[in-house]
Amino acid sequence: MPLPPPPPPFSPEAATTPERKRRLRKMTWVIIAWCVLILAWMIGGAANAKCEKEQYTDACEAGTAIGVGIVGVIGFMGFVVLALIWLMSRPKDRP
């Protein structure tokens, strides 16, 4: 008995076969790792501020906020660069 022909590459049946299941690309994992790293850096920077023993607590808290904001801007710029690489490295066999 002959085997049935394989489904077309972009049909719903083709998407459900085991060899065509969607996997996350490597750049997706790089973007996730980047976001986790930046988030950990921001939380760590905010948590390690020693402002309660300072004479000028308002200035200390403002400096902490500025530092966390700068890390956030660095994180966003890195995310934009990684997202552009992610978009340009899309596989050709997917719609």
PDB file of N, CA and C in Angstrom:
ATOM      1  N   MET A   1       0.836  -1.167   0.000  1.00  0.00           N
ATOM      2  CA  MET A   1       0.000   0.000   0.000  1.00  0.00           C
ATOM      3  C   MET A   1       0.895   1.249   0.000  1.00  0.00           C
ATOM      4  N   PRO A   2       0.723   2.149  -0.953  1.00  0.00           N
ATOM      5  CA  PRO A   2       1.594   3.332  -1.024  1.00  0.00           C
ATOM      6  C   PRO A   2       1.258   4.322   0.092  1.00  0.00           C
ATOM      7  N   LEU A   3       2.265   5.055   0.474  1.00  0.00           N
ATOM      8  CA  LEU A   3       2.077   6.083   1.497  1.00  0.00           C
ATOM      9  C   LEU A   3       1.344   7.275   0.904  1.00  0.00           C
ATOM     10  N   PRO A   4       0.547   7.973   1.728  1.00  0.00           N
ATOM     11  CA  PRO A   4      -0.137   9.161   1.206  1.00  0.00           C
ATOM     12  C   PRO A   4       0.886  10.264   0.944  1.00  0.00           C
ATOM     13  N   PRO A   5       0.594  11.145   0.007  1.00  0.00           N
ATOM     14  CA  PRO A   5       1.544  12.238  -0.276  1.00  0.00           C
ATOM     15  C   PRO A   5       1.645  13.171   0.930  1.00  0.00           C
ATOM     16  N   PRO A   6       2.793  13.772   1.122  1.00  0.00           N
ATOM     17  CA  PRO A   6       2.930  14.691   2.258  1.00  0.00           C
ATOM     18  C   PRO A   6       2.064  15.928   2.041  1.00  0.00           C
ATOM     19  N   PRO A   7       1.615  16.557   3.112  1.00  0.00           N
ATOM     20  CA  PRO A   7       0.792  17.763   2.965  1.00  0.00           C
ATOM     21  C   PRO A   7       1.617  18.914   2.408  1.00  0.00           C
ATOM     22  N   PRO A   8       0.967  19.909   1.811  1.00  0.00           N
ATOM     23  CA  PRO A   8       1.700  21.086   1.326  1.00  0.00           C
ATOM     24  C   PRO A   8       2.414  21.774   2.490  1.00  0.00           C
ATOM     25  N   PRO A   9       3.499  22.524   2.217  1.00  0.00           N
ATOM     26  CA  PRO A   9       4.320  23.065   3.311  1.00  0.00           C
ATOM     27  C   PRO A   9       3.604  24.041   4.239  1.00  0.00           C
ATOM     28  N   PHE A  10       2.600  24.760   3.777  1.00  0.00           N
ATOM     29  CA  PHE A  10       1.971  25.773   4.626  1.00  0.00           C
ATOM     30  C   PHE A  10       0.529  25.444   4.960  1.00  0.00           C
ATOM     31  N   SER A  11       0.143  24.193   4.895  1.00  0.00           N
ATOM     32  CA  SER A  11      -1.216  23.808   5.240  1.00  0.00           C
ATOM     33  C   SER A  11      -1.329  23.578   6.743  1.00  0.00           C
ATOM     34  N   PRO A  12      -2.532  23.623   7.310  1.00  0.00           N
ATOM     35  CA  PRO A  12      -2.689  23.352   8.746  1.00  0.00           C
ATOM     36  C   PRO A  12      -2.238  21.950   9.126  1.00  0.00           C
ATOM     37  N   GLU A  13      -2.376  20.984   8.202  1.00  0.00           N
ATOM     38  CA  GLU A  13      -1.927  19.632   8.507  1.00  0.00           C
ATOM     39  C   GLU A  13      -0.408  19.575   8.642  1.00  0.00           C
ATOM     40  N   ALA A  14       0.284  20.368   7.842  1.00  0.00           N
ATOM     41  CA  ALA A  14       1.750  20.366   7.896  1.00  0.00           C
ATOM     42  C   ALA A  14       2.255  20.965   9.212  1.00  0.00           C
ATOM     43  N   ALA A  15       1.511  21.907   9.763  1.00  0.00           N
ATOM     44  CA  ALA A  15       1.943  22.542  11.004  1.00  0.00           C
ATOM     45  C   ALA A  15       1.807  21.613  12.200  1.00  0.00           C
ATOM     46  N   THR A  16       0.983  20.591  12.094  1.00  0.00           N
ATOM     47  CA  THR A  16       0.769  19.697  13.226  1.00  0.00           C
ATOM     48  C   THR A  16       1.632  18.444  13.183  1.00  0.00           C
ATOM     49  N   THR A  17       2.347  18.226  12.101  1.00  0.00           N
ATOM     50  CA  THR A  17       3.203  17.040  12.048  1.00  0.00           C
ATOM     51  C   THR A  17       4.400  17.246  12.979  1.00  0.00           C
ATOM     52  N   PRO A  18       4.926  16.157  13.554  1.00  0.00           N
ATOM     53  CA  PRO A  18       6.012  16.312  14.533  1.00  0.00           C
ATOM     54  C   PRO A  18       7.247  17.010  13.979  1.00  0.00           C
ATOM     55  N   GLU A  19       7.589  16.781  12.722  1.00  0.00           N
ATOM     56  CA  GLU A  19       8.807  17.404  12.196  1.00  0.00           C
ATOM     57  C   GLU A  19       8.618  18.876  11.858  1.00  0.00           C
ATOM     58  N   ARG A  20       7.376  19.384  11.855  1.00  0.00           N
ATOM     59  CA  ARG A  20       7.130  20.791  11.531  1.00  0.00           C
ATOM     60  C   ARG A  20       6.664  21.600  12.742  1.00  0.00           C
ATOM     61  N   LYS A  21       6.745  21.043  13.942  1.00  0.00           N
ATOM     62  CA  LYS A  21       6.301  21.798  15.108  1.00  0.00           C
ATOM     63  C   LYS A  21       7.177  23.021  15.287  1.00  0.00           C
ATOM     64  N   ARG A  22       6.549  24.097  15.735  1.00  0.00           N
ATOM     65  CA  ARG A  22       7.287  25.350  15.929  1.00  0.00           C
ATOM     66  C   ARG A  22       8.182  25.265  17.141  1.00  0.00           C
ATOM     67  N   ARG A  23       9.405  25.677  16.945  1.00  0.00           N
ATOM     68  CA  ARG A  23      10.348  25.800  18.041  1.00  0.00           C
ATOM     69  C   ARG A  23      10.805  27.249  18.103  1.00  0.00           C
ATOM     70  N   LEU A  24      11.218  27.661  19.274  1.00  0.00           N
ATOM     71  CA  LEU A  24      11.741  29.021  19.397  1.00  0.00           C
ATOM     72  C   LEU A  24      13.120  29.096  18.760  1.00  0.00           C
ATOM     73  N   ARG A  25      13.341  30.191  18.045  1.00  0.00           N
ATOM     74  CA  ARG A  25      14.634  30.361  17.400  1.00  0.00           C
ATOM     75  C   ARG A  25      15.680  30.779  18.422  1.00  0.00           C
ATOM     76  N   LYS A  26      16.946  30.691  18.029  1.00  0.00           N
ATOM     77  CA  LYS A  26      18.049  31.042  18.934  1.00  0.00           C
ATOM     78  C   LYS A  26      17.988  32.514  19.333  1.00  0.00           C
ATOM     79  N   MET A  27      17.644  33.377  18.400  1.00  0.00           N
ATOM     80  CA  MET A  27      17.586  34.807  18.712  1.00  0.00           C
ATOM     81  C   MET A  27      16.464  35.112  19.693  1.00  0.00           C
ATOM     82  N   THR A  28      15.406  34.307  19.684  1.00  0.00           N
ATOM     83  CA  THR A  28      14.344  34.502  20.664  1.00  0.00           C
ATOM     84  C   THR A  28      14.887  34.262  22.064  1.00  0.00           C
ATOM     85  N   TRP A  29      15.698  33.219  22.220  1.00  0.00           N
ATOM     86  CA  TRP A  29      16.298  32.946  23.521  1.00  0.00           C
ATOM     87  C   TRP A  29      17.286  34.036  23.911  1.00  0.00           C
ATOM     88  N   VAL A  30      17.985  34.608  22.947  1.00  0.00           N
ATOM     89  CA  VAL A  30      18.915  35.712  23.246  1.00  0.00           C
ATOM     90  C   VAL A  30      18.145  36.922  23.749  1.00  0.00           C
ATOM     91  N   ILE A  31      17.015  37.228  23.126  1.00  0.00           N
ATOM     92  CA  ILE A  31      16.196  38.366  23.552  1.00  0.00           C
ATOM     93  C   ILE A  31      15.637  38.122  24.946  1.00  0.00           C
ATOM     94  N   ILE A  32      15.167  36.911  25.214  1.00  0.00           N
ATOM     95  CA  ILE A  32      14.641  36.598  26.544  1.00  0.00           C
ATOM     96  C   ILE A  32      15.749  36.726  27.589  1.00  0.00           C
ATOM     97  N   ALA A  33      16.927  36.208  27.287  1.00  0.00           N
ATOM     98  CA  ALA A  33      18.050  36.301  28.232  1.00  0.00           C
ATOM     99  C   ALA A  33      18.441  37.763  28.469  1.00  0.00           C
ATOM    100  N   TRP A  34      18.443  38.570  27.416  1.00  0.00           N
ATOM    101  CA  TRP A  34      18.782  39.989  27.548  1.00  0.00           C
ATOM    102  C   TRP A  34      17.786  40.695  28.469  1.00  0.00           C
ATOM    103  N   CYS A  35      16.510  40.443  28.264  1.00  0.00           N
ATOM    104  CA  CYS A  35      15.483  41.092  29.087  1.00  0.00           C
ATOM    105  C   CYS A  35      15.591  40.662  30.549  1.00  0.00           C
ATOM    106  N   VAL A  36      15.859  39.379  30.784  1.00  0.00           N
ATOM    107  CA  VAL A  36      16.013  38.899  32.160  1.00  0.00           C
ATOM    108  C   VAL A  36      17.249  39.530  32.803  1.00  0.00           C
ATOM    109  N   LEU A  37      18.340  39.635  32.055  1.00  0.00           N
ATOM    110  CA  LEU A  37      19.556  40.246  32.581  1.00  0.00           C
ATOM    111  C   LEU A  37      19.325  41.712  32.950  1.00  0.00           C
ATOM    112  N   ILE A  38      18.683  42.460  32.077  1.00  0.00           N
ATOM    113  CA  ILE A  38      18.424  43.876  32.349  1.00  0.00           C
ATOM    114  C   ILE A  38      17.483  44.029  33.534  1.00  0.00           C
ATOM    115  N   LEU A  39      16.454  43.198  33.598  1.00  0.00           N
ATOM    116  CA  LEU A  39      15.518  43.267  34.713  1.00  0.00           C
ATOM    117  C   LEU A  39      16.223  42.964  36.036  1.00  0.00           C
ATOM    118  N   ALA A  40      17.093  41.949  36.042  1.00  0.00           N
ATOM    119  CA  ALA A  40      17.845  41.624  37.257  1.00  0.00           C
ATOM    120  C   ALA A  40      18.779  42.766  37.638  1.00  0.00           C
ATOM    121  N   TRP A  41      19.404  43.396  36.643  1.00  0.00           N
ATOM    122  CA  TRP A  41      20.296  44.524  36.901  1.00  0.00           C
ATOM    123  C   TRP A  41      19.519  45.696  37.510  1.00  0.00           C
ATOM    124  N   MET A  42      18.334  45.974  36.980  1.00  0.00           N
ATOM    125  CA  MET A  42      17.531  47.077  37.502  1.00  0.00           C
ATOM    126  C   MET A  42      17.059  46.790  38.928  1.00  0.00           C
ATOM    127  N   ILE A  43      16.592  45.575  39.175  1.00  0.00           N
ATOM    128  CA  ILE A  43      16.127  45.227  40.522  1.00  0.00           C
ATOM    129  C   ILE A  43      17.292  45.241  41.507  1.00  0.00           C
ATOM    130  N   GLY A  44      18.431  44.694  41.084  1.00  0.00           N
ATOM    131  CA  GLY A  44      19.606  44.695  41.960  1.00  0.00           C
ATOM    132  C   GLY A  44      20.114  46.089  42.253  1.00  0.00           C
ATOM    133  N   GLY A  45      20.103  46.944  41.247  1.00  0.00           N
ATOM    134  CA  GLY A  45      20.550  48.320  41.463  1.00  0.00           C
ATOM    135  C   GLY A  45      19.634  49.088  42.388  1.00  0.00           C
ATOM    136  N   ALA A  46      18.331  48.860  42.265  1.00  0.00           N
ATOM    137  CA  ALA A  46      17.386  49.562  43.132  1.00  0.00           C
ATOM    138  C   ALA A  46      17.412  49.000  44.550  1.00  0.00           C
ATOM    139  N   ALA A  47      17.621  47.701  44.668  1.00  0.00           N
ATOM    140  CA  ALA A  47      17.602  47.079  45.992  1.00  0.00           C
ATOM    141  C   ALA A  47      18.863  47.372  46.794  1.00  0.00           C
ATOM    142  N   ASN A  48      19.968  47.632  46.143  1.00  0.00           N
ATOM    143  CA  ASN A  48      21.228  47.854  46.846  1.00  0.00           C
ATOM    144  C   ASN A  48      21.496  49.312  47.196  1.00  0.00           C
ATOM    145  N   ALA A  49      20.532  50.164  46.995  1.00  0.00           N
ATOM    146  CA  ALA A  49      20.726  51.566  47.360  1.00  0.00           C
ATOM    147  C   ALA A  49      20.698  51.702  48.877  1.00  0.00           C
ATOM    148  N   LYS A  50      21.722  52.309  49.435  1.00  0.00           N
ATOM    149  CA  LYS A  50      21.826  52.492  50.895  1.00  0.00           C
ATOM    150  C   LYS A  50      21.456  53.930  51.237  1.00  0.00           C
ATOM    151  N   CYS A  51      20.193  54.251  51.115  1.00  0.00           N
ATOM    152  CA  CYS A  51      19.766  55.642  51.286  1.00  0.00           C
ATOM    153  C   CYS A  51      19.282  55.961  52.695  1.00  0.00           C
ATOM    154  N   GLU A  52      19.018  54.982  53.546  1.00  0.00           N
ATOM    155  CA  GLU A  52      18.457  55.287  54.860  1.00  0.00           C
ATOM    156  C   GLU A  52      19.495  55.864  55.825  1.00  0.00           C
ATOM    157  N   LYS A  53      20.785  55.648  55.575  1.00  0.00           N
ATOM    158  CA  LYS A  53      21.823  56.160  56.463  1.00  0.00           C
ATOM    159  C   LYS A  53      22.457  57.440  55.937  1.00  0.00           C
ATOM    160  N   GLU A  54      21.997  57.908  54.821  1.00  0.00           N
ATOM    161  CA  GLU A  54      22.564  59.110  54.208  1.00  0.00           C
ATOM    162  C   GLU A  54      21.960  60.361  54.857  1.00  0.00           C
ATOM    163  N   GLN A  55      22.701  61.449  54.777  1.00  0.00           N
ATOM    164  CA  GLN A  55      22.175  62.716  55.265  1.00  0.00           C
ATOM    165  C   GLN A  55      21.150  63.283  54.278  1.00  0.00           C
ATOM    166  N   TYR A  56      21.408  63.070  52.996  1.00  0.00           N
ATOM    167  CA  TYR A  56      20.516  63.589  51.961  1.00  0.00           C
ATOM    168  C   TYR A  56      19.810  62.416  51.288  1.00  0.00           C
ATOM    169  N   THR A  57      18.786  61.890  51.927  1.00  0.00           N
ATOM    170  CA  THR A  57      18.115  60.702  51.404  1.00  0.00           C
ATOM    171  C   THR A  57      17.392  60.992  50.092  1.00  0.00           C
ATOM    172  N   ASP A  58      16.854  62.199  49.954  1.00  0.00           N
ATOM    173  CA  ASP A  58      16.159  62.521  48.700  1.00  0.00           C
ATOM    174  C   ASP A  58      17.116  62.481  47.511  1.00  0.00           C
ATOM    175  N   ALA A  59      18.310  63.012  47.690  1.00  0.00           N
ATOM    176  CA  ALA A  59      19.298  63.001  46.606  1.00  0.00           C
ATOM    177  C   ALA A  59      19.750  61.577  46.313  1.00  0.00           C
ATOM    178  N   CYS A  60      19.893  60.774  47.361  1.00  0.00           N
ATOM    179  CA  CYS A  60      20.295  59.382  47.166  1.00  0.00           C
ATOM    180  C   CYS A  60      19.230  58.621  46.382  1.00  0.00           C
ATOM    181  N   GLU A  61      17.969  58.813  46.744  1.00  0.00           N
ATOM    182  CA  GLU A  61      16.885  58.133  46.039  1.00  0.00           C
ATOM    183  C   GLU A  61      16.770  58.615  44.593  1.00  0.00           C
ATOM    184  N   ALA A  62      17.002  59.906  44.367  1.00  0.00           N
ATOM    185  CA  ALA A  62      16.970  60.431  42.999  1.00  0.00           C
ATOM    186  C   ALA A  62      18.103  59.841  42.164  1.00  0.00           C
ATOM    187  N   GLY A  63      19.284  59.711  42.754  1.00  0.00           N
ATOM    188  CA  GLY A  63      20.403  59.101  42.048  1.00  0.00           C
ATOM    189  C   GLY A  63      20.145  57.644  41.723  1.00  0.00           C
ATOM    190  N   THR A  64      19.496  56.941  42.645  1.00  0.00           N
ATOM    191  CA  THR A  64      19.140  55.546  42.381  1.00  0.00           C
ATOM    192  C   THR A  64      18.151  55.458  41.222  1.00  0.00           C
ATOM    193  N   ALA A  65      17.173  56.337  41.220  1.00  0.00           N
ATOM    194  CA  ALA A  65      16.186  56.339  40.132  1.00  0.00           C
ATOM    195  C   ALA A  65      16.833  56.678  38.793  1.00  0.00           C
ATOM    196  N   ILE A  66      17.761  57.610  38.793  1.00  0.00           N
ATOM    197  CA  ILE A  66      18.461  57.958  37.552  1.00  0.00           C
ATOM    198  C   ILE A  66      19.282  56.765  37.064  1.00  0.00           C
ATOM    199  N   GLY A  67      19.972  56.095  37.979  1.00  0.00           N
ATOM    200  CA  GLY A  67      20.761  54.925  37.597  1.00  0.00           C
ATOM    201  C   GLY A  67      19.902  53.809  37.037  1.00  0.00           C
ATOM    202  N   VAL A  68      18.780  53.527  37.681  1.00  0.00           N
ATOM    203  CA  VAL A  68      17.867  52.487  37.187  1.00  0.00           C
ATOM    204  C   VAL A  68      17.287  52.905  35.833  1.00  0.00           C
ATOM    205  N   GLY A  69      17.013  54.186  35.669  1.00  0.00           N
ATOM    206  CA  GLY A  69      16.498  54.673  34.380  1.00  0.00           C
ATOM    207  C   GLY A  69      17.515  54.520  33.262  1.00  0.00           C
ATOM    208  N   ILE A  70      18.776  54.791  33.567  1.00  0.00           N
ATOM    209  CA  ILE A  70      19.833  54.630  32.555  1.00  0.00           C
ATOM    210  C   ILE A  70      19.969  53.164  32.158  1.00  0.00           C
ATOM    211  N   VAL A  71      19.908  52.266  33.139  1.00  0.00           N
ATOM    212  CA  VAL A  71      19.972  50.838  32.828  1.00  0.00           C
ATOM    213  C   VAL A  71      18.764  50.441  31.962  1.00  0.00           C
ATOM    214  N   GLY A  72      17.601  51.018  32.254  1.00  0.00           N
ATOM    215  CA  GLY A  72      16.415  50.740  31.441  1.00  0.00           C
ATOM    216  C   GLY A  72      16.576  51.214  30.003  1.00  0.00           C
ATOM    217  N   VAL A  73      17.177  52.377  29.818  1.00  0.00           N
ATOM    218  CA  VAL A  73      17.414  52.891  28.462  1.00  0.00           C
ATOM    219  C   VAL A  73      18.418  51.998  27.727  1.00  0.00           C
ATOM    220  N   ILE A  74      19.473  51.584  28.410  1.00  0.00           N
ATOM    221  CA  ILE A  74      20.438  50.666  27.797  1.00  0.00           C
ATOM    222  C   ILE A  74      19.743  49.362  27.415  1.00  0.00           C
ATOM    223  N   GLY A  75      18.899  48.871  28.297  1.00  0.00           N
ATOM    224  CA  GLY A  75      18.163  47.641  28.015  1.00  0.00           C
ATOM    225  C   GLY A  75      17.239  47.784  26.824  1.00  0.00           C
ATOM    226  N   PHE A  76      16.551  48.916  26.718  1.00  0.00           N
ATOM    227  CA  PHE A  76      15.652  49.132  25.587  1.00  0.00           C
ATOM    228  C   PHE A  76      16.421  49.242  24.276  1.00  0.00           C
ATOM    229  N   MET A  77      17.551  49.950  24.287  1.00  0.00           N
ATOM    230  CA  MET A  77      18.338  50.070  23.061  1.00  0.00           C
ATOM    231  C   MET A  77      18.879  48.705  22.626  1.00  0.00           C
ATOM    232  N   GLY A  78      19.332  47.905  23.573  1.00  0.00           N
ATOM    233  CA  GLY A  78      19.781  46.560  23.244  1.00  0.00           C
ATOM    234  C   GLY A  78      18.651  45.697  22.721  1.00  0.00           C
ATOM    235  N   PHE A  79      17.464  45.855  23.302  1.00  0.00           N
ATOM    236  CA  PHE A  79      16.305  45.105  22.835  1.00  0.00           C
ATOM    237  C   PHE A  79      15.964  45.469  21.397  1.00  0.00           C
ATOM    238  N   VAL A  80      16.034  46.744  21.058  1.00  0.00           N
ATOM    239  CA  VAL A  80      15.730  47.174  19.688  1.00  0.00           C
ATOM    240  C   VAL A  80      16.724  46.562  18.706  1.00  0.00           C
ATOM    241  N   VAL A  81      17.995  46.578  19.049  1.00  0.00           N
ATOM    242  CA  VAL A  81      19.010  45.985  18.169  1.00  0.00           C
ATOM    243  C   VAL A  81      18.773  44.488  18.010  1.00  0.00           C
ATOM    244  N   LEU A  82      18.526  43.798  19.109  1.00  0.00           N
ATOM    245  CA  LEU A  82      18.282  42.357  19.042  1.00  0.00           C
ATOM    246  C   LEU A  82      16.990  42.040  18.291  1.00  0.00           C
ATOM    247  N   ALA A  83      15.974  42.874  18.464  1.00  0.00           N
ATOM    248  CA  ALA A  83      14.720  42.642  17.749  1.00  0.00           C
ATOM    249  C   ALA A  83      14.910  42.820  16.239  1.00  0.00           C
ATOM    250  N   LEU A  84      15.722  43.784  15.820  1.00  0.00           N
ATOM    251  CA  LEU A  84      16.002  43.954  14.395  1.00  0.00           C
ATOM    252  C   LEU A  84      16.754  42.747  13.842  1.00  0.00           C
ATOM    253  N   ILE A  85      17.714  42.240  14.599  1.00  0.00           N
ATOM    254  CA  ILE A  85      18.422  41.036  14.165  1.00  0.00           C
ATOM    255  C   ILE A  85      17.452  39.863  14.093  1.00  0.00           C
ATOM    256  N   TRP A  86      16.549  39.775  15.075  1.00  0.00           N
ATOM    257  CA  TRP A  86      15.550  38.693  15.087  1.00  0.00           C
ATOM    258  C   TRP A  86      14.667  38.767  13.842  1.00  0.00           C
ATOM    259  N   LEU A  87      14.255  39.972  13.478  1.00  0.00           N
ATOM    260  CA  LEU A  87      13.396  40.132  12.297  1.00  0.00           C
ATOM    261  C   LEU A  87      14.146  39.820  11.002  1.00  0.00           C
ATOM    262  N   MET A  88      15.425  40.198  10.927  1.00  0.00           N
ATOM    263  CA  MET A  88      16.187  39.965   9.698  1.00  0.00           C
ATOM    264  C   MET A  88      16.624  38.519   9.540  1.00  0.00           C
ATOM    265  N   SER A  89      16.669  37.756  10.617  1.00  0.00           N
ATOM    266  CA  SER A  89      17.141  36.377  10.529  1.00  0.00           C
ATOM    267  C   SER A  89      15.994  35.375  10.474  1.00  0.00           C
ATOM    268  N   ARG A  90      14.846  35.791  10.002  1.00  0.00           N
ATOM    269  CA  ARG A  90      13.698  34.902   9.914  1.00  0.00           C
ATOM    270  C   ARG A  90      13.945  33.814   8.865  1.00  0.00           C
ATOM    271  N   PRO A  91      13.609  32.561   9.174  1.00  0.00           N
ATOM    272  CA  PRO A  91      13.814  31.499   8.204  1.00  0.00           C
ATOM    273  C   PRO A  91      12.980  31.723   6.935  1.00  0.00           C
ATOM    274  N   LYS A  92      13.498  31.287   5.818  1.00  0.00           N
ATOM    275  CA  LYS A  92      12.822  31.512   4.539  1.00  0.00           C
ATOM    276  C   LYS A  92      11.651  30.564   4.320  1.00  0.00           C
ATOM    277  N   ASP A  93      11.620  29.409   5.004  1.00  0.00           N
ATOM    278  CA  ASP A  93      10.569  28.427   4.734  1.00  0.00           C
ATOM    279  C   ASP A  93       9.290  28.688   5.506  1.00  0.00           C
ATOM    280  N   ARG A  94       9.240  29.739   6.314  1.00  0.00           N
ATOM    281  CA  ARG A  94       8.020  30.073   7.049  1.00  0.00           C
ATOM    282  C   ARG A  94       7.350  31.280   6.422  1.00  0.00           C
ATOM    283  N   PRO A  95       6.031  31.335   6.500  1.00  0.00           N
ATOM    284  CA  PRO A  95       5.322  32.497   5.928  1.00  0.00           C
ATOM    285  C   PRO A  95       5.519  33.742   6.731  1.00  0.00           C
TER     286      PRO A  95
END
